[in-house]
Amino acid sequence: MKFLGPLLGRPDHEKPVMILPAGWPAEDATVPAVAKRKKPLSEILSVFR
């Protein structure tokens, strides 16, 4: 995905990645408290028109 950084105007030292969960969690799975803290969409979303 070398095209993505320049396309989005990101610096060379940043590397775009995406994590896609697959499957279902175990019955006894727990979610860390830090994962439950959500940033506002305005902090994580950039729209280029």
Protein backbone atom coordinates (compact mmCIF):
# COMPACT_ATOMS: atom_id res chain seq x y z
CA MET A 1 0.00 0.00 0.00
CA LYS A 2 2.78 2.42 -0.83
CA PHE A 3 0.31 4.58 -2.77
CA LEU A 4 -1.86 5.31 0.27
CA GLY A 5 0.53 7.52 2.27
CA PRO A 6 1.19 10.01 -0.55
CA LEU A 7 -2.47 9.91 -1.60
CA LEU A 8 -3.53 10.96 1.90
CA GLY A 9 -0.67 13.41 2.33
CA ARG A 10 0.94 11.49 5.21
CA PRO A 11 4.66 11.71 6.09
CA ASP A 12 7.07 9.02 4.87
CA HIS A 13 7.70 7.71 8.41
CA GLU A 14 4.05 6.67 8.80
CA LYS A 15 2.87 3.30 7.50
CA PRO A 16 -0.86 2.76 6.90
CA VAL A 17 -2.21 -0.49 8.34
CA MET A 18 -5.60 -2.01 8.96
CA ILE A 19 -6.61 -4.72 11.41
CA LEU A 20 -9.66 -6.79 10.52
CA PRO A 21 -10.97 -9.13 13.19
CA ALA A 22 -12.26 -12.45 11.88
CA GLY A 23 -14.45 -15.01 13.58
CA TRP A 24 -16.23 -14.92 16.90
CA PRO A 25 -14.79 -14.22 20.38
CA ALA A 26 -14.41 -17.06 22.86
CA GLU A 27 -17.23 -17.49 25.37
CA ASP A 28 -14.97 -16.31 28.20
CA ALA A 29 -13.28 -13.46 26.24
CA THR A 30 -12.85 -10.14 28.00
CA VAL A 31 -12.35 -6.66 26.55
CA PRO A 32 -9.59 -4.51 28.09
CA ALA A 33 -10.83 -1.23 29.59
CA VAL A 34 -8.59 0.75 27.23
CA ALA A 35 -10.42 -0.77 24.24
CA LYS A 36 -13.73 0.52 25.56
CA ARG A 37 -12.56 4.17 25.52
CA LYS A 38 -13.62 5.56 22.17
CA LYS A 39 -12.29 8.70 20.51
CA PRO A 40 -14.81 11.02 18.87
CA LEU A 41 -15.18 10.40 15.15
CA SER A 42 -13.94 13.93 14.44
CA GLU A 43 -10.56 12.95 15.95
CA ILE A 44 -10.01 9.87 13.80
CA LEU A 45 -11.78 10.64 10.50
CA SER A 46 -10.45 12.74 7.64
CA VAL A 47 -12.62 13.47 4.62
CA PHE A 48 -10.96 14.55 1.39
CA ARG A 49 -13.27 15.98 -1.27
